[in-house]
Amino acid sequence: EGKPRELVASVTTDSATRVKDSVKGRFTVSRDNDKN
């Protein structure tokens, strides 16, 4: 609240991932395209 929305993590179409420095080692992003 009171701050702009920020990107925390992203996952590309071939499941390459990137995370914000402050959450590295703690957050993991993944996807399941079959389940959308």
Full PDB file with SEQRES, HELIX, SHEET, SSBOND, CRYST1, ORIGX, SCALE, CONECT and MASTER records, all heavy atoms in Angstrom:
SEQRES   1 A   36  GLU GLY LYS PRO ARG GLU LEU VAL ALA SER VAL THR THR          
SEQRES   2 A   36  ASP SER ALA THR ARG VAL LYS ASP SER VAL LYS GLY ARG          
SEQRES   3 A   36  PHE THR VAL SER ARG ASP ASN ASP LYS ASN                      
HELIX    1 AA1 ASP A   21  VAL A   23  5                                   3    
SHEET    1 AA1 2 ALA A   9  VAL A  11  0                                        
SHEET    2 AA1 2 THR A  17  VAL A  19 -1                                        
CRYST1    1.000    1.000    1.000  90.00  90.00  90.00 P 1           1          
ORIGX1      1.000000  0.000000  0.000000        0.00000                         
ORIGX2      0.000000  1.000000  0.000000        0.00000                         
ORIGX3      0.000000  0.000000  1.000000        0.00000                         
SCALE1      1.000000  0.000000  0.000000        0.00000                         
SCALE2      0.000000  1.000000  0.000000        0.00000                         
SCALE3      0.000000  0.000000  1.000000        0.00000                         
ATOM      1  N   GLU A   1       0.836  -1.201   0.000  1.00  0.00           N  
ATOM      2  CA  GLU A   1       0.000   0.000   0.000  1.00  0.00           C  
ATOM      3  C   GLU A   1       0.867   1.246   0.000  1.00  0.00           C  
ATOM      4  O   GLU A   1       1.807   1.359   0.793  1.00  0.00           O  
ATOM      5  CB  GLU A   1      -0.921  -0.012   1.215  1.00  0.00           C  
ATOM      6  CG  GLU A   1      -1.982   1.079   1.175  1.00  0.00           C  
ATOM      7  CD  GLU A   1      -2.999   0.925   2.292  1.00  0.00           C  
ATOM      8  OE1 GLU A   1      -2.985  -0.117   2.960  1.00  0.00           O  
ATOM      9  OE2 GLU A   1      -3.787   1.856   2.482  1.00  0.00           O  
ATOM     10  N   GLY A   2       0.549   2.157  -0.909  1.00  0.00           N  
ATOM     11  CA  GLY A   2       1.292   3.406  -0.977  1.00  0.00           C  
ATOM     12  C   GLY A   2       2.532   3.352  -1.843  1.00  0.00           C  
ATOM     13  O   GLY A   2       3.215   4.366  -2.013  1.00  0.00           O  
ATOM     14  N   LYS A   3       2.814   2.181  -2.395  1.00  0.00           N  
ATOM     15  CA  LYS A   3       3.991   2.032  -3.248  1.00  0.00           C  
ATOM     16  C   LYS A   3       3.572   1.469  -4.600  1.00  0.00           C  
ATOM     17  O   LYS A   3       2.541   0.823  -4.717  1.00  0.00           O  
ATOM     18  CB  LYS A   3       5.015   1.099  -2.595  1.00  0.00           C  
ATOM     19  CG  LYS A   3       5.611   1.637  -1.307  1.00  0.00           C  
ATOM     20  CD  LYS A   3       6.713   0.714  -0.798  1.00  0.00           C  
ATOM     21  CE  LYS A   3       7.341   1.269   0.458  1.00  0.00           C  
ATOM     22  NZ  LYS A   3       8.424   0.394   0.972  1.00  0.00           N  
ATOM     23  N   PRO A   4       4.376   1.703  -5.624  1.00  0.00           N  
ATOM     24  CA  PRO A   4       4.020   1.160  -6.943  1.00  0.00           C  
ATOM     25  C   PRO A   4       4.164  -0.363  -6.966  1.00  0.00           C  
ATOM     26  O   PRO A   4       4.956  -0.931  -6.212  1.00  0.00           O  
ATOM     27  CB  PRO A   4       5.046   1.801  -7.903  1.00  0.00           C  
ATOM     28  CG  PRO A   4       5.998   2.560  -7.088  1.00  0.00           C  
ATOM     29  CD  PRO A   4       5.590   2.522  -5.668  1.00  0.00           C  
ATOM     30  N   ARG A   5       3.402  -0.983  -7.846  1.00  0.00           N  
ATOM     31  CA  ARG A   5       3.508  -2.425  -8.028  1.00  0.00           C  
ATOM     32  C   ARG A   5       4.889  -2.739  -8.607  1.00  0.00           C  
ATOM     33  O   ARG A   5       5.378  -2.040  -9.490  1.00  0.00           O  
ATOM     34  CB  ARG A   5       2.417  -2.887  -8.988  1.00  0.00           C  
ATOM     35  CG  ARG A   5       2.228  -4.361  -9.057  1.00  0.00           C  
ATOM     36  CD  ARG A   5       0.903  -4.791  -9.659  1.00  0.00           C  
ATOM     37  NE  ARG A   5       0.074  -3.762 -10.222  1.00  0.00           N  
ATOM     38  CZ  ARG A   5      -1.260  -3.762 -10.128  1.00  0.00           C  
ATOM     39  NH1 ARG A   5      -1.870  -4.740  -9.474  1.00  0.00           N  
ATOM     40  NH2 ARG A   5      -1.960  -2.801 -10.701  1.00  0.00           N  
ATOM     41  N   GLU A   6       5.512  -3.809  -8.124  1.00  0.00           N  
ATOM     42  CA  GLU A   6       6.848  -4.170  -8.591  1.00  0.00           C  
ATOM     43  C   GLU A   6       6.876  -5.620  -9.053  1.00  0.00           C  
ATOM     44  O   GLU A   6       6.150  -6.474  -8.548  1.00  0.00           O  
ATOM     45  CB  GLU A   6       7.886  -3.992  -7.472  1.00  0.00           C  
ATOM     46  CG  GLU A   6       7.673  -4.871  -6.263  1.00  0.00           C  
ATOM     47  CD  GLU A   6       8.792  -4.748  -5.235  1.00  0.00           C  
ATOM     48  OE1 GLU A   6       9.745  -3.990  -5.448  1.00  0.00           O  
ATOM     49  OE2 GLU A   6       8.707  -5.447  -4.204  1.00  0.00           O  
ATOM     50  N   LEU A   7       7.757  -5.876 -10.017  1.00  0.00           N  
ATOM     51  CA  LEU A   7       7.952  -7.232 -10.506  1.00  0.00           C  
ATOM     52  C   LEU A   7       8.796  -8.005  -9.504  1.00  0.00           C  
ATOM     53  O   LEU A   7       9.849  -7.544  -9.064  1.00  0.00           O  
ATOM     54  CB  LEU A   7       8.653  -7.208 -11.859  1.00  0.00           C  
ATOM     55  CG  LEU A   7       8.979  -8.565 -12.477  1.00  0.00           C  
ATOM     56  CD1 LEU A   7       7.697  -9.287 -12.898  1.00  0.00           C  
ATOM     57  CD2 LEU A   7       9.920  -8.393 -13.656  1.00  0.00           C  
ATOM     58  N   VAL A   8       8.335  -9.186  -9.151  1.00  0.00           N  
ATOM     59  CA  VAL A   8       9.051 -10.030  -8.204  1.00  0.00           C  
ATOM     60  C   VAL A   8       9.793 -11.148  -8.921  1.00  0.00           C  
ATOM     61  O   VAL A   8      10.938 -11.472  -8.589  1.00  0.00           O  
ATOM     62  CB  VAL A   8       8.072 -10.624  -7.179  1.00  0.00           C  
ATOM     63  CG1 VAL A   8       8.785 -11.613  -6.270  1.00  0.00           C  
ATOM     64  CG2 VAL A   8       7.427  -9.518  -6.358  1.00  0.00           C  
ATOM     65  N   ALA A   9       9.131 -11.758  -9.901  1.00  0.00           N  
ATOM     66  CA  ALA A   9       9.719 -12.898 -10.598  1.00  0.00           C  
ATOM     67  C   ALA A   9       9.069 -13.038 -11.962  1.00  0.00           C  
ATOM     68  O   ALA A   9       7.921 -12.625 -12.149  1.00  0.00           O  
ATOM     69  CB  ALA A   9       9.512 -14.181  -9.800  1.00  0.00           C  
ATOM     70  N   SER A  10       9.813 -13.610 -12.896  1.00  0.00           N  
ATOM     71  CA  SER A  10       9.263 -13.847 -14.233  1.00  0.00           C  
ATOM     72  C   SER A  10       9.720 -15.198 -14.747  1.00  0.00           C  
ATOM     73  O   SER A  10      10.769 -15.716 -14.342  1.00  0.00           O  
ATOM     74  CB  SER A  10       9.677 -12.739 -15.199  1.00  0.00           C  
ATOM     75  OG  SER A  10      11.075 -12.711 -15.357  1.00  0.00           O  
ATOM     76  N   VAL A  11       8.927 -15.763 -15.648  1.00  0.00           N  
ATOM     77  CA  VAL A  11       9.260 -17.047 -16.262  1.00  0.00           C  
ATOM     78  C   VAL A  11       8.931 -16.950 -17.747  1.00  0.00           C  
ATOM     79  O   VAL A  11       7.825 -16.569 -18.123  1.00  0.00           O  
ATOM     80  CB  VAL A  11       8.524 -18.210 -15.559  1.00  0.00           C  
ATOM     81  CG1 VAL A  11       7.023 -18.009 -15.515  1.00  0.00           C  
ATOM     82  CG2 VAL A  11       8.872 -19.543 -16.199  1.00  0.00           C  
ATOM     83  N   THR A  12       9.914 -17.268 -18.573  1.00  0.00           N  
ATOM     84  CA  THR A  12       9.733 -17.156 -20.019  1.00  0.00           C  
ATOM     85  C   THR A  12       8.966 -18.363 -20.569  1.00  0.00           C  
ATOM     86  O   THR A  12       8.637 -19.300 -19.835  1.00  0.00           O  
ATOM     87  CB  THR A  12      11.084 -17.056 -20.735  1.00  0.00           C  
ATOM     88  OG1 THR A  12      11.784 -18.309 -20.572  1.00  0.00           O  
ATOM     89  CG2 THR A  12      11.933 -15.931 -20.178  1.00  0.00           C  
ATOM     90  N   THR A  13       8.729 -18.340 -21.869  1.00  0.00           N  
ATOM     91  CA  THR A  13       7.978 -19.429 -22.502  1.00  0.00           C  
ATOM     92  C   THR A  13       8.728 -20.757 -22.425  1.00  0.00           C  
ATOM     93  O   THR A  13       8.098 -21.813 -22.431  1.00  0.00           O  
ATOM     94  CB  THR A  13       7.677 -19.100 -23.965  1.00  0.00           C  
ATOM     95  OG1 THR A  13       8.909 -18.789 -24.638  1.00  0.00           O  
ATOM     96  CG2 THR A  13       6.737 -17.902 -24.082  1.00  0.00           C  
ATOM     97  N   ASP A  14      10.065 -20.696 -22.321  1.00  0.00           N  
ATOM     98  CA  ASP A  14      10.827 -21.942 -22.170  1.00  0.00           C  
ATOM     99  C   ASP A  14      11.282 -22.150 -20.730  1.00  0.00           C  
ATOM    100  O   ASP A  14      12.257 -22.847 -20.470  1.00  0.00           O  
ATOM    101  CB  ASP A  14      12.015 -21.979 -23.141  1.00  0.00           C  
ATOM    102  CG  ASP A  14      12.960 -20.807 -22.959  1.00  0.00           C  
ATOM    103  OD1 ASP A  14      12.660 -19.937 -22.124  1.00  0.00           O  
ATOM    104  OD2 ASP A  14      13.996 -20.777 -23.654  1.00  0.00           O  
ATOM    105  N   SER A  15      10.565 -21.512 -19.811  1.00  0.00           N  
ATOM    106  CA  SER A  15      10.736 -21.702 -18.360  1.00  0.00           C  
ATOM    107  C   SER A  15      12.049 -21.173 -17.791  1.00  0.00           C  
ATOM    108  O   SER A  15      12.468 -21.599 -16.714  1.00  0.00           O  
ATOM    109  CB  SER A  15      10.533 -23.173 -17.983  1.00  0.00           C  
ATOM    110  OG  SER A  15       9.173 -23.531 -18.178  1.00  0.00           O  
ATOM    111  N   ALA A  16      12.710 -20.259 -18.495  1.00  0.00           N  
ATOM    112  CA  ALA A  16      13.834 -19.550 -17.875  1.00  0.00           C  
ATOM    113  C   ALA A  16      13.259 -18.560 -16.862  1.00  0.00           C  
ATOM    114  O   ALA A  16      12.248 -17.903 -17.144  1.00  0.00           O  
ATOM    115  CB  ALA A  16      14.635 -18.822 -18.936  1.00  0.00           C  
ATOM    116  N   THR A  17      13.889 -18.478 -15.710  1.00  0.00           N  
ATOM    117  CA  THR A  17      13.332 -17.655 -14.641  1.00  0.00           C  
ATOM    118  C   THR A  17      14.291 -16.566 -14.194  1.00  0.00           C  
ATOM    119  O   THR A  17      15.519 -16.683 -14.315  1.00  0.00           O  
ATOM    120  CB  THR A  17      12.957 -18.511 -13.427  1.00  0.00           C  
ATOM    121  OG1 THR A  17      14.138 -19.135 -12.902  1.00  0.00           O  
ATOM    122  CG2 THR A  17      11.952 -19.577 -13.799  1.00  0.00           C  
ATOM    123  N   ARG A  18      13.707 -15.502 -13.687  1.00  0.00           N  
ATOM    124  CA  ARG A  18      14.450 -14.432 -13.054  1.00  0.00           C  
ATOM    125  C   ARG A  18      13.654 -13.994 -11.838  1.00  0.00           C  
ATOM    126  O   ARG A  18      12.423 -13.978 -11.856  1.00  0.00           O  
ATOM    127  CB  ARG A  18      14.650 -13.249 -13.993  1.00  0.00           C  
ATOM    128  CG  ARG A  18      15.490 -13.548 -15.218  1.00  0.00           C  
ATOM    129  CD  ARG A  18      15.759 -12.306 -16.023  1.00  0.00           C  
ATOM    130  NE  ARG A  18      16.657 -11.384 -15.329  1.00  0.00           N  
ATOM    131  CZ  ARG A  18      17.088 -10.241 -15.835  1.00  0.00           C  
ATOM    132  NH1 ARG A  18      16.676  -9.860 -17.042  1.00  0.00           N  
ATOM    133  NH2 ARG A  18      17.891  -9.460 -15.175  1.00  0.00           N  
ATOM    134  N   VAL A  19      14.381 -13.640 -10.778  1.00  0.00           N  
ATOM    135  CA  VAL A  19      13.719 -13.139  -9.579  1.00  0.00           C  
ATOM    136  C   VAL A  19      14.410 -11.876  -9.106  1.00  0.00           C  
ATOM    137  O   VAL A  19      15.595 -11.657  -9.351  1.00  0.00           O  
ATOM    138  CB  VAL A  19      13.701 -14.193  -8.449  1.00  0.00           C  
ATOM    139  CG1 VAL A  19      12.894 -15.406  -8.844  1.00  0.00           C  
ATOM    140  CG2 VAL A  19      15.111 -14.581  -8.041  1.00  0.00           C  
ATOM    141  N   LYS A  20      13.654 -11.077  -8.383  1.00  0.00           N  
ATOM    142  CA  LYS A  20      14.175  -9.845  -7.791  1.00  0.00           C  
ATOM    143  C   LYS A  20      15.277 -10.216  -6.798  1.00  0.00           C  
ATOM    144  O   LYS A  20      15.182 -11.238  -6.106  1.00  0.00           O  
ATOM    145  CB  LYS A  20      13.009  -9.147  -7.087  1.00  0.00           C  
ATOM    146  CG  LYS A  20      13.289  -7.838  -6.411  1.00  0.00           C  
ATOM    147  CD  LYS A  20      12.002  -7.301  -5.797  1.00  0.00           C  
ATOM    148  CE  LYS A  20      12.273  -6.090  -4.945  1.00  0.00           C  
ATOM    149  NZ  LYS A  20      12.771  -4.954  -5.726  1.00  0.00           N  
ATOM    150  N   ASP A  21      16.304  -9.382  -6.712  1.00  0.00           N  
ATOM    151  CA  ASP A  21      17.447  -9.691  -5.854  1.00  0.00           C  
ATOM    152  C   ASP A  21      17.036  -9.975  -4.414  1.00  0.00           C  
ATOM    153  O   ASP A  21      17.573 -10.879  -3.774  1.00  0.00           O  
ATOM    154  CB  ASP A  21      18.443  -8.522  -5.871  1.00  0.00           C  
ATOM    155  CG  ASP A  21      19.285  -8.504  -7.132  1.00  0.00           C  
ATOM    156  OD1 ASP A  21      19.250  -9.491  -7.894  1.00  0.00           O  
ATOM    157  OD2 ASP A  21      19.976  -7.496  -7.372  1.00  0.00           O  
ATOM    158  N   SER A  22      16.077  -9.238  -3.906  1.00  0.00           N  
ATOM    159  CA  SER A  22      15.712  -9.368  -2.490  1.00  0.00           C  
ATOM    160  C   SER A  22      15.012 -10.690  -2.184  1.00  0.00           C  
ATOM    161  O   SER A  22      14.847 -11.033  -1.010  1.00  0.00           O  
ATOM    162  CB  SER A  22      14.825  -8.196  -2.057  1.00  0.00           C  
ATOM    163  OG  SER A  22      13.625  -8.175  -2.813  1.00  0.00           O  
ATOM    164  N   VAL A  23      14.605 -11.423  -3.204  1.00  0.00           N  
ATOM    165  CA  VAL A  23      13.926 -12.705  -2.965  1.00  0.00           C  
ATOM    166  C   VAL A  23      14.715 -13.879  -3.533  1.00  0.00           C  
ATOM    167  O   VAL A  23      14.243 -15.025  -3.481  1.00  0.00           O  
ATOM    168  CB  VAL A  23      12.480 -12.701  -3.526  1.00  0.00           C  
ATOM    169  CG1 VAL A  23      11.696 -11.528  -2.972  1.00  0.00           C  
ATOM    170  CG2 VAL A  23      12.477 -12.689  -5.050  1.00  0.00           C  
ATOM    171  N   LYS A  24      15.904 -13.628  -4.033  1.00  0.00           N  
ATOM    172  CA  LYS A  24      16.722 -14.715  -4.581  1.00  0.00           C  
ATOM    173  C   LYS A  24      17.002 -15.752  -3.521  1.00  0.00           C  
ATOM    174  O   LYS A  24      17.321 -15.422  -2.377  1.00  0.00           O  
ATOM    175  CB  LYS A  24      18.034 -14.161  -5.139  1.00  0.00           C  
ATOM    176  CG  LYS A  24      17.925 -13.665  -6.558  1.00  0.00           C  
ATOM    177  CD  LYS A  24      19.263 -13.210  -7.101  1.00  0.00           C  
ATOM    178  CE  LYS A  24      19.109 -12.721  -8.532  1.00  0.00           C  
ATOM    179  NZ  LYS A  24      20.369 -12.178  -9.088  1.00  0.00           N  
ATOM    180  N   GLY A  25      16.861 -17.012  -3.920  1.00  0.00           N  
ATOM    181  CA  GLY A  25      17.093 -18.105  -2.992  1.00  0.00           C  
ATOM    182  C   GLY A  25      15.886 -18.414  -2.121  1.00  0.00           C  
ATOM    183  O   GLY A  25      15.878 -19.406  -1.396  1.00  0.00           O  
ATOM    184  N   ARG A  26      14.863 -17.559  -2.189  1.00  0.00           N  
ATOM    185  CA  ARG A  26      13.664 -17.778  -1.364  1.00  0.00           C  
ATOM    186  C   ARG A  26      12.412 -17.981  -2.216  1.00  0.00           C  
ATOM    187  O   ARG A  26      11.518 -18.722  -1.826  1.00  0.00           O  
ATOM    188  CB  ARG A  26      13.447 -16.594  -0.423  1.00  0.00           C  
ATOM    189  CG  ARG A  26      14.609 -16.330   0.510  1.00  0.00           C  
ATOM    190  CD  ARG A  26      14.262 -15.291   1.570  1.00  0.00           C  
ATOM    191  NE  ARG A  26      13.951 -13.990   1.008  1.00  0.00           N  
ATOM    192  CZ  ARG A  26      12.755 -13.404   1.135  1.00  0.00           C  
ATOM    193  NH1 ARG A  26      11.780 -13.987   1.790  1.00  0.00           N  
ATOM    194  NH2 ARG A  26      12.554 -12.191   0.613  1.00  0.00           N  
ATOM    195  N   PHE A  27      12.333 -17.332  -3.354  1.00  0.00           N  
ATOM    196  CA  PHE A  27      11.162 -17.434  -4.223  1.00  0.00           C  
ATOM    197  C   PHE A  27      11.526 -18.196  -5.496  1.00  0.00           C  
ATOM    198  O   PHE A  27      12.590 -17.971  -6.079  1.00  0.00           O  
ATOM    199  CB  PHE A  27      10.655 -16.045  -4.630  1.00  0.00           C  
ATOM    200  CG  PHE A  27       9.982 -15.265  -3.537  1.00  0.00           C  
ATOM    201  CD1 PHE A  27      10.092 -15.616  -2.193  1.00  0.00           C  
ATOM    202  CD2 PHE A  27       9.220 -14.140  -3.856  1.00  0.00           C  
ATOM    203  CE1 PHE A  27       9.469 -14.880  -1.195  1.00  0.00           C  
ATOM    204  CE2 PHE A  27       8.590 -13.389  -2.868  1.00  0.00           C  
ATOM    205  CZ  PHE A  27       8.722 -13.755  -1.536  1.00  0.00           C  
ATOM    206  N   THR A  28      10.614 -19.055  -5.923  1.00  0.00           N  
ATOM    207  CA  THR A  28      10.792 -19.801  -7.165  1.00  0.00           C  
ATOM    208  C   THR A  28       9.516 -19.696  -7.997  1.00  0.00           C  
ATOM    209  O   THR A  28       8.426 -19.998  -7.496  1.00  0.00           O  
ATOM    210  CB  THR A  28      11.095 -21.280  -6.872  1.00  0.00           C  
ATOM    211  OG1 THR A  28      12.243 -21.379  -6.027  1.00  0.00           O  
ATOM    212  CG2 THR A  28      11.355 -22.040  -8.170  1.00  0.00           C  
ATOM    213  N   VAL A  29       9.669 -19.292  -9.235  1.00  0.00           N  
ATOM    214  CA  VAL A  29       8.522 -19.163 -10.138  1.00  0.00           C  
ATOM    215  C   VAL A  29       8.537 -20.324 -11.115  1.00  0.00           C  
ATOM    216  O   VAL A  29       9.604 -20.772 -11.559  1.00  0.00           O  
ATOM    217  CB  VAL A  29       8.543 -17.801 -10.875  1.00  0.00           C  
ATOM    218  CG1 VAL A  29       9.829 -17.596 -11.660  1.00  0.00           C  
ATOM    219  CG2 VAL A  29       7.305 -17.625 -11.732  1.00  0.00           C  
ATOM    220  N   SER A  30       7.354 -20.819 -11.431  1.00  0.00           N  
ATOM    221  CA  SER A  30       7.234 -21.908 -12.396  1.00  0.00           C  
ATOM    222  C   SER A  30       5.914 -21.788 -13.140  1.00  0.00           C  
ATOM    223  O   SER A  30       5.046 -20.988 -12.761  1.00  0.00           O  
ATOM    224  CB  SER A  30       7.335 -23.265 -11.695  1.00  0.00           C  
ATOM    225  OG  SER A  30       6.293 -23.429 -10.760  1.00  0.00           O  
ATOM    226  N   ARG A  31       5.772 -22.576 -14.175  1.00  0.00           N  
ATOM    227  CA  ARG A  31       4.544 -22.532 -14.977  1.00  0.00           C  
ATOM    228  C   ARG A  31       4.166 -23.928 -15.433  1.00  0.00           C  
ATOM    229  O   ARG A  31       5.013 -24.810 -15.547  1.00  0.00           O  
ATOM    230  CB  ARG A  31       4.728 -21.610 -16.188  1.00  0.00           C  
ATOM    231  CG  ARG A  31       5.736 -22.104 -17.206  1.00  0.00           C  
ATOM    232  CD  ARG A  31       6.068 -21.004 -18.225  1.00  0.00           C  
ATOM    233  NE  ARG A  31       4.887 -20.582 -18.971  1.00  0.00           N  
ATOM    234  CZ  ARG A  31       4.788 -19.398 -19.585  1.00  0.00           C  
ATOM    235  NH1 ARG A  31       5.784 -18.530 -19.536  1.00  0.00           N  
ATOM    236  NH2 ARG A  31       3.686 -19.099 -20.276  1.00  0.00           N  
ATOM    237  N   ASP A  32       2.872 -24.099 -15.708  1.00  0.00           N  
ATOM    238  CA  ASP A  32       2.367 -25.334 -16.282  1.00  0.00           C  
ATOM    239  C   ASP A  32       1.446 -24.915 -17.427  1.00  0.00           C  
ATOM    240  O   ASP A  32       0.289 -24.560 -17.194  1.00  0.00           O  
ATOM    241  CB  ASP A  32       1.610 -26.145 -15.232  1.00  0.00           C  
ATOM    242  CG  ASP A  32       1.154 -27.500 -15.754  1.00  0.00           C  
ATOM    243  OD1 ASP A  32       0.964 -27.644 -16.980  1.00  0.00           O  
ATOM    244  OD2 ASP A  32       0.964 -28.417 -14.944  1.00  0.00           O  
ATOM    245  N   ASN A  33       1.977 -24.935 -18.625  1.00  0.00           N  
ATOM    246  CA  ASN A  33       1.200 -24.453 -19.765  1.00  0.00           C  
ATOM    247  C   ASN A  33      -0.009 -25.345 -20.055  1.00  0.00           C  
ATOM    248  O   ASN A  33      -1.036 -24.871 -20.538  1.00  0.00           O  
ATOM    249  CB  ASN A  33       2.083 -24.347 -21.007  1.00  0.00           C  
ATOM    250  CG  ASN A  33       3.081 -23.217 -20.915  1.00  0.00           C  
ATOM    251  OD1 ASN A  33       2.864 -22.227 -20.203  1.00  0.00           O  
ATOM    252  ND2 ASN A  33       4.194 -23.344 -21.616  1.00  0.00           N  
ATOM    253  N   ASP A  34       0.121 -26.626 -19.765  1.00  0.00           N  
ATOM    254  CA  ASP A  34      -1.013 -27.525 -20.007  1.00  0.00           C  
ATOM    255  C   ASP A  34      -2.208 -27.138 -19.143  1.00  0.00           C  
ATOM    256  O   ASP A  34      -3.367 -27.285 -19.554  1.00  0.00           O  
ATOM    257  CB  ASP A  34      -0.614 -28.966 -19.734  1.00  0.00           C  
ATOM    258  CG  ASP A  34       0.349 -29.500 -20.782  1.00  0.00           C  
ATOM    259  OD1 ASP A  34       0.384 -28.940 -21.900  1.00  0.00           O  
ATOM    260  OD2 ASP A  34       1.077 -30.473 -20.481  1.00  0.00           O  
ATOM    261  N   LYS A  35      -1.919 -26.676 -17.930  1.00  0.00           N  
ATOM    262  CA  LYS A  35      -2.982 -26.275 -17.009  1.00  0.00           C  
ATOM    263  C   LYS A  35      -3.263 -24.775 -17.064  1.00  0.00           C  
ATOM    264  O   LYS A  35      -4.165 -24.290 -16.378  1.00  0.00           O  
ATOM    265  CB  LYS A  35      -2.608 -26.670 -15.580  1.00  0.00           C  
ATOM    266  CG  LYS A  35      -2.510 -28.178 -15.370  1.00  0.00           C  
ATOM    267  CD  LYS A  35      -2.193 -28.507 -13.919  1.00  0.00           C  
ATOM    268  CE  LYS A  35      -2.125 -30.015 -13.704  1.00  0.00           C  
ATOM    269  NZ  LYS A  35      -1.783 -30.358 -12.297  1.00  0.00           N  
ATOM    270  N   ASN A  36      -2.481 -24.067 -17.855  1.00  0.00           N  
ATOM    271  CA  ASN A  36      -2.615 -22.599 -17.946  1.00  0.00           C  
ATOM    272  C   ASN A  36      -2.438 -21.938 -16.581  1.00  0.00           C  
ATOM    273  O   ASN A  36      -3.190 -21.047 -16.199  1.00  0.00           O  
ATOM    274  CB  ASN A  36      -3.975 -22.212 -18.531  1.00  0.00           C  
ATOM    275  CG  ASN A  36      -3.843 -21.243 -19.705  1.00  0.00           C  
ATOM    276  OD1 ASN A  36      -2.827 -21.216 -20.396  1.00  0.00           O  
ATOM    277  ND2 ASN A  36      -4.866 -20.446 -19.931  1.00  0.00           N  
TER     278      ASN A  36                                                      
MASTER        0    0    0    1    2    0    0    6  277    1    0    3          
END                                                                             
